[in-house]
Amino acid sequence: RKGLFREDLYYRLNVFPIYNIPLRERKDDIPLLAQYFLEKYSAKAGKAFRRISAKTIECLMNYNFPGNIRELENLIERAVIVENGTTLGPGSWIPEKDNLDLNNEFQSFEDKQKEYIIKVLEHTNWRISGPNGAAAILKMKDKTLFAKIKRLGIEKLVSLKG
């Protein structure tokens, strides 16, 4: 549309779109890919790396890889450059711990919305209307909240005491 990409090339590439699953959703591929990149960059750099330590694999498996396979390849290339030996151990090239424990499971927007509405309803003791009701907290009209509760299938669980 902006004329920044050759139109004929776009149509050639767009014949059969290929969708790739993110690396964070196929963690079992990490050890094999890491070993491949280790061998590739060790040979290129003239280094003697042969294998990757179990601790290094564990660190890589716990990382979320927002940059997918390209990020894994870059990490291994950096490791080959800065480390020495025959076994690649964890080092300063591994991403910071803050980035390692990211949650891989994402909720749909509706599930997150449902969870939040239930939390607010529990806070208001399931009161929807009025100045202290859930609708006021959520800054929406009572009727809108009632409709949303119905659409999301939210029901108050009642337990019998006895």
C-alpha atoms as a PDB file:
ATOM      1  CA  ARG A   1       0.000   0.000   0.000  1.00  0.00           C
ATOM      2  CA  LYS A   2       2.825   2.392   0.844  1.00  0.00           C
ATOM      3  CA  GLY A   3       4.906   1.214  -2.122  1.00  0.00           C
ATOM      4  CA  LEU A   4       7.791   0.132   0.110  1.00  0.00           C
ATOM      5  CA  PHE A   5       7.777  -3.508  -1.013  1.00  0.00           C
ATOM      6  CA  ARG A   6       7.977  -4.808  -4.564  1.00  0.00           C
ATOM      7  CA  GLU A   7       4.444  -5.830  -5.465  1.00  0.00           C
ATOM      8  CA  ASP A   8       5.490  -8.676  -7.766  1.00  0.00           C
ATOM      9  CA  LEU A   9       7.714 -10.137  -5.026  1.00  0.00           C
ATOM     10  CA  TYR A  10       4.906  -9.858  -2.483  1.00  0.00           C
ATOM     11  CA  TYR A  11       2.586 -11.888  -4.702  1.00  0.00           C
ATOM     12  CA  ARG A  12       5.276 -14.521  -5.291  1.00  0.00           C
ATOM     13  CA  LEU A  13       5.856 -14.908  -1.553  1.00  0.00           C
ATOM     14  CA  ASN A  14       2.174 -14.786  -0.687  1.00  0.00           C
ATOM     15  CA  VAL A  15       1.271 -17.901  -2.712  1.00  0.00           C
ATOM     16  CA  PHE A  16       1.566 -20.212   0.262  1.00  0.00           C
ATOM     17  CA  PRO A  17       1.816 -18.609   3.709  1.00  0.00           C
ATOM     18  CA  ILE A  18       3.793 -20.618   6.263  1.00  0.00           C
ATOM     19  CA  TYR A  19       2.991 -20.276   9.946  1.00  0.00           C
ATOM     20  CA  ASN A  20       5.673 -21.298  12.396  1.00  0.00           C
ATOM     21  CA  ILE A  21       4.989 -22.217  16.012  1.00  0.00           C
ATOM     22  CA  PRO A  22       6.979 -20.003  18.423  1.00  0.00           C
ATOM     23  CA  LEU A  23       9.971 -21.625  20.103  1.00  0.00           C
ATOM     24  CA  ARG A  24       8.461 -20.999  23.550  1.00  0.00           C
ATOM     25  CA  GLU A  25       5.629 -23.389  22.566  1.00  0.00           C
ATOM     26  CA  ARG A  26       7.987 -26.155  21.414  1.00  0.00           C
ATOM     27  CA  LYS A  27      10.622 -26.276  24.121  1.00  0.00           C
ATOM     28  CA  ASP A  28      11.625 -29.835  23.206  1.00  0.00           C
ATOM     29  CA  ASP A  29      13.369 -28.449  20.106  1.00  0.00           C
ATOM     30  CA  ILE A  30      15.735 -26.249  22.150  1.00  0.00           C
ATOM     31  CA  PRO A  31      18.419 -28.872  22.991  1.00  0.00           C
ATOM     32  CA  LEU A  32      18.669 -30.073  19.376  1.00  0.00           C
ATOM     33  CA  LEU A  33      18.738 -26.542  17.939  1.00  0.00           C
ATOM     34  CA  ALA A  34      21.241 -25.358  20.542  1.00  0.00           C
ATOM     35  CA  GLN A  35      23.557 -28.279  19.736  1.00  0.00           C
ATOM     36  CA  TYR A  36      23.284 -27.556  16.015  1.00  0.00           C
ATOM     37  CA  PHE A  37      24.141 -23.869  16.539  1.00  0.00           C
ATOM     38  CA  LEU A  38      26.987 -24.817  18.890  1.00  0.00           C
ATOM     39  CA  GLU A  39      28.564 -27.046  16.237  1.00  0.00           C
ATOM     40  CA  LYS A  40      27.993 -24.446  13.512  1.00  0.00           C
ATOM     41  CA  TYR A  41      29.584 -21.544  15.397  1.00  0.00           C
ATOM     42  CA  SER A  42      32.323 -23.611  17.052  1.00  0.00           C
ATOM     43  CA  ALA A  43      33.576 -24.672  13.621  1.00  0.00           C
ATOM     44  CA  LYS A  44      33.311 -21.109  12.327  1.00  0.00           C
ATOM     45  CA  ALA A  45      35.233 -19.704  15.321  1.00  0.00           C
ATOM     46  CA  GLY A  46      37.774 -22.541  15.471  1.00  0.00           C
ATOM     47  CA  LYS A  47      36.721 -23.483  19.020  1.00  0.00           C
ATOM     48  CA  ALA A  48      36.598 -26.964  20.554  1.00  0.00           C
ATOM     49  CA  PHE A  49      33.003 -27.027  21.902  1.00  0.00           C
ATOM     50  CA  ARG A  50      31.419 -30.468  21.558  1.00  0.00           C
ATOM     51  CA  ARG A  51      28.447 -30.460  23.911  1.00  0.00           C
ATOM     52  CA  ILE A  52      26.202 -28.307  26.082  1.00  0.00           C
ATOM     53  CA  SER A  53      25.986 -28.908  29.843  1.00  0.00           C
ATOM     54  CA  ALA A  54      22.706 -30.055  31.398  1.00  0.00           C
ATOM     55  CA  LYS A  55      22.584 -26.855  33.495  1.00  0.00           C
ATOM     56  CA  THR A  56      22.883 -24.726  30.338  1.00  0.00           C
ATOM     57  CA  ILE A  57      20.098 -26.691  28.649  1.00  0.00           C
ATOM     58  CA  GLU A  58      17.953 -26.210  31.755  1.00  0.00           C
ATOM     59  CA  CYS A  59      18.557 -22.427  31.662  1.00  0.00           C
ATOM     60  CA  LEU A  60      17.685 -22.301  27.966  1.00  0.00           C
ATOM     61  CA  MET A  61      14.539 -24.381  28.490  1.00  0.00           C
ATOM     62  CA  ASN A  62      13.371 -21.953  31.201  1.00  0.00           C
ATOM     63  CA  TYR A  63      13.768 -18.924  28.926  1.00  0.00           C
ATOM     64  CA  ASN A  64      10.746 -17.607  27.014  1.00  0.00           C
ATOM     65  CA  PHE A  65      12.574 -16.722  23.744  1.00  0.00           C
ATOM     66  CA  PRO A  66      10.603 -13.687  22.578  1.00  0.00           C
ATOM     67  CA  GLY A  67      13.012 -13.557  19.610  1.00  0.00           C
ATOM     68  CA  ASN A  68      12.301 -17.199  18.676  1.00  0.00           C
ATOM     69  CA  ILE A  69      14.960 -19.350  16.982  1.00  0.00           C
ATOM     70  CA  ARG A  70      16.964 -16.310  15.844  1.00  0.00           C
ATOM     71  CA  GLU A  71      17.443 -15.307  19.482  1.00  0.00           C
ATOM     72  CA  LEU A  72      18.584 -18.833  20.420  1.00  0.00           C
ATOM     73  CA  GLU A  73      21.052 -18.797  17.530  1.00  0.00           C
ATOM     74  CA  ASN A  74      22.414 -15.395  18.574  1.00  0.00           C
ATOM     75  CA  LEU A  75      22.776 -16.549  22.204  1.00  0.00           C
ATOM     76  CA  ILE A  76      24.758 -19.634  21.194  1.00  0.00           C
ATOM     77  CA  GLU A  77      26.929 -17.617  18.800  1.00  0.00           C
ATOM     78  CA  ARG A  78      27.684 -15.131  21.595  1.00  0.00           C
ATOM     79  CA  ALA A  79      28.463 -18.005  23.974  1.00  0.00           C
ATOM     80  CA  VAL A  80      30.938 -19.548  21.529  1.00  0.00           C
ATOM     81  CA  ILE A  81      32.686 -16.190  21.215  1.00  0.00           C
ATOM     82  CA  VAL A  82      32.981 -15.432  24.927  1.00  0.00           C
ATOM     83  CA  GLU A  83      33.385 -18.923  26.444  1.00  0.00           C
ATOM     84  CA  ASN A  84      36.118 -21.576  26.147  1.00  0.00           C
ATOM     85  CA  GLY A  85      36.386 -25.327  26.645  1.00  0.00           C
ATOM     86  CA  THR A  86      34.732 -28.387  25.178  1.00  0.00           C
ATOM     87  CA  THR A  87      31.451 -28.208  27.129  1.00  0.00           C
ATOM     88  CA  LEU A  88      29.355 -25.044  27.000  1.00  0.00           C
ATOM     89  CA  GLY A  89      28.328 -24.086  30.516  1.00  0.00           C
ATOM     90  CA  PRO A  90      26.065 -21.257  31.631  1.00  0.00           C
ATOM     91  CA  GLY A  91      27.728 -17.873  31.654  1.00  0.00           C
ATOM     92  CA  SER A  92      27.153 -14.153  31.306  1.00  0.00           C
ATOM     93  CA  TRP A  93      25.703 -14.770  27.844  1.00  0.00           C
ATOM     94  CA  ILE A  94      22.538 -16.320  29.327  1.00  0.00           C
ATOM     95  CA  PRO A  95      19.685 -13.779  29.725  1.00  0.00           C
ATOM     96  CA  GLU A  96      19.038 -12.314  33.160  1.00  0.00           C
ATOM     97  CA  LYS A  97      16.960 -14.336  35.619  1.00  0.00           C
ATOM     98  CA  ASP A  98      14.113 -11.759  35.377  1.00  0.00           C
ATOM     99  CA  ASN A  99      13.519 -12.835  31.783  1.00  0.00           C
ATOM    100  CA  LEU A 100      13.718 -16.570  32.482  1.00  0.00           C
ATOM    101  CA  ASP A 101      10.533 -17.091  34.481  1.00  0.00           C
ATOM    102  CA  LEU A 102       8.021 -15.522  32.124  1.00  0.00           C
ATOM    103  CA  ASN A 103       4.662 -17.205  32.030  1.00  0.00           C
ATOM    104  CA  ASN A 104       4.206 -19.182  28.814  1.00  0.00           C
ATOM    105  CA  GLU A 105       0.514 -19.655  29.239  1.00  0.00           C
ATOM    106  CA  PHE A 106      -1.648 -16.799  28.060  1.00  0.00           C
ATOM    107  CA  GLN A 107      -5.331 -16.430  28.758  1.00  0.00           C
ATOM    108  CA  SER A 108      -7.834 -15.235  26.226  1.00  0.00           C
ATOM    109  CA  PHE A 109      -9.151 -11.727  26.718  1.00  0.00           C
ATOM    110  CA  GLU A 110     -12.569 -13.127  27.704  1.00  0.00           C
ATOM    111  CA  ASP A 111     -11.043 -15.461  30.311  1.00  0.00           C
ATOM    112  CA  LYS A 112      -9.012 -12.618  31.798  1.00  0.00           C
ATOM    113  CA  GLN A 113     -12.086 -10.375  31.782  1.00  0.00           C
ATOM    114  CA  LYS A 114     -14.186 -13.081  33.447  1.00  0.00           C
ATOM    115  CA  GLU A 115     -11.525 -13.641  36.109  1.00  0.00           C
ATOM    116  CA  TYR A 116     -11.361  -9.911  36.879  1.00  0.00           C
ATOM    117  CA  ILE A 117     -15.139  -9.457  37.035  1.00  0.00           C
ATOM    118  CA  ILE A 118     -15.426 -12.410  39.451  1.00  0.00           C
ATOM    119  CA  LYS A 119     -12.689 -10.869  41.603  1.00  0.00           C
ATOM    120  CA  VAL A 120     -14.591  -7.553  41.739  1.00  0.00           C
ATOM    121  CA  LEU A 121     -17.900  -9.352  42.436  1.00  0.00           C
ATOM    122  CA  GLU A 122     -16.319 -11.256  45.304  1.00  0.00           C
ATOM    123  CA  HIS A 123     -14.929  -7.985  46.660  1.00  0.00           C
ATOM    124  CA  THR A 124     -18.443  -6.453  46.619  1.00  0.00           C
ATOM    125  CA  ASN A 125     -20.014  -9.655  47.992  1.00  0.00           C
ATOM    126  CA  TRP A 126     -21.717 -10.058  44.600  1.00  0.00           C
ATOM    127  CA  ARG A 127     -23.444  -6.680  44.810  1.00  0.00           C
ATOM    128  CA  ILE A 128     -23.733  -5.308  41.278  1.00  0.00           C
ATOM    129  CA  SER A 129     -25.731  -2.064  41.611  1.00  0.00           C
ATOM    130  CA  GLY A 130     -25.305   0.971  43.812  1.00  0.00           C
ATOM    131  CA  PRO A 131     -22.389   3.217  44.705  1.00  0.00           C
ATOM    132  CA  ASN A 132     -20.370   0.347  46.213  1.00  0.00           C
ATOM    133  CA  GLY A 133     -21.403  -2.246  43.645  1.00  0.00           C
ATOM    134  CA  ALA A 134     -19.249  -3.986  41.065  1.00  0.00           C
ATOM    135  CA  ALA A 135     -20.636  -1.865  38.204  1.00  0.00           C
ATOM    136  CA  ALA A 136     -19.451   1.324  39.917  1.00  0.00           C
ATOM    137  CA  ILE A 137     -15.972  -0.140  40.507  1.00  0.00           C
ATOM    138  CA  LEU A 138     -15.788  -1.290  36.887  1.00  0.00           C
ATOM    139  CA  LYS A 139     -17.117   2.096  35.731  1.00  0.00           C
ATOM    140  CA  MET A 140     -19.969   0.619  33.701  1.00  0.00           C
ATOM    141  CA  LYS A 141     -23.734   0.637  33.780  1.00  0.00           C
ATOM    142  CA  ASP A 142     -25.516  -2.024  35.818  1.00  0.00           C
ATOM    143  CA  LYS A 143     -27.376  -3.389  32.772  1.00  0.00           C
ATOM    144  CA  THR A 144     -24.110  -3.630  30.823  1.00  0.00           C
ATOM    145  CA  LEU A 145     -22.477  -5.593  33.630  1.00  0.00           C
ATOM    146  CA  PHE A 146     -25.495  -7.901  33.949  1.00  0.00           C
ATOM    147  CA  ALA A 147     -25.318  -8.609  30.206  1.00  0.00           C
ATOM    148  CA  LYS A 148     -21.564  -9.213  30.374  1.00  0.00           C
ATOM    149  CA  ILE A 149     -21.967 -11.574  33.348  1.00  0.00           C
ATOM    150  CA  LYS A 150     -24.581 -13.537  31.418  1.00  0.00           C
ATOM    151  CA  ARG A 151     -22.500 -13.611  28.208  1.00  0.00           C
ATOM    152  CA  LEU A 152     -19.353 -14.777  30.066  1.00  0.00           C
ATOM    153  CA  GLY A 153     -21.317 -17.435  31.960  1.00  0.00           C
ATOM    154  CA  ILE A 154     -20.436 -16.101  35.392  1.00  0.00           C
ATOM    155  CA  GLU A 155     -22.479 -17.674  38.170  1.00  0.00           C
ATOM    156  CA  LYS A 156     -22.275 -17.237  41.905  1.00  0.00           C
ATOM    157  CA  LEU A 157     -21.517 -20.503  43.634  1.00  0.00           C
ATOM    158  CA  VAL A 158     -23.694 -21.003  46.684  1.00  0.00           C
ATOM    159  CA  SER A 159     -22.604 -23.379  49.402  1.00  0.00           C
ATOM    160  CA  LEU A 160     -24.928 -24.784  52.004  1.00  0.00           C
ATOM    161  CA  LYS A 161     -23.862 -24.551  55.616  1.00  0.00           C
ATOM    162  CA  GLY A 162     -24.931 -27.377  57.742  1.00  0.00           C
END
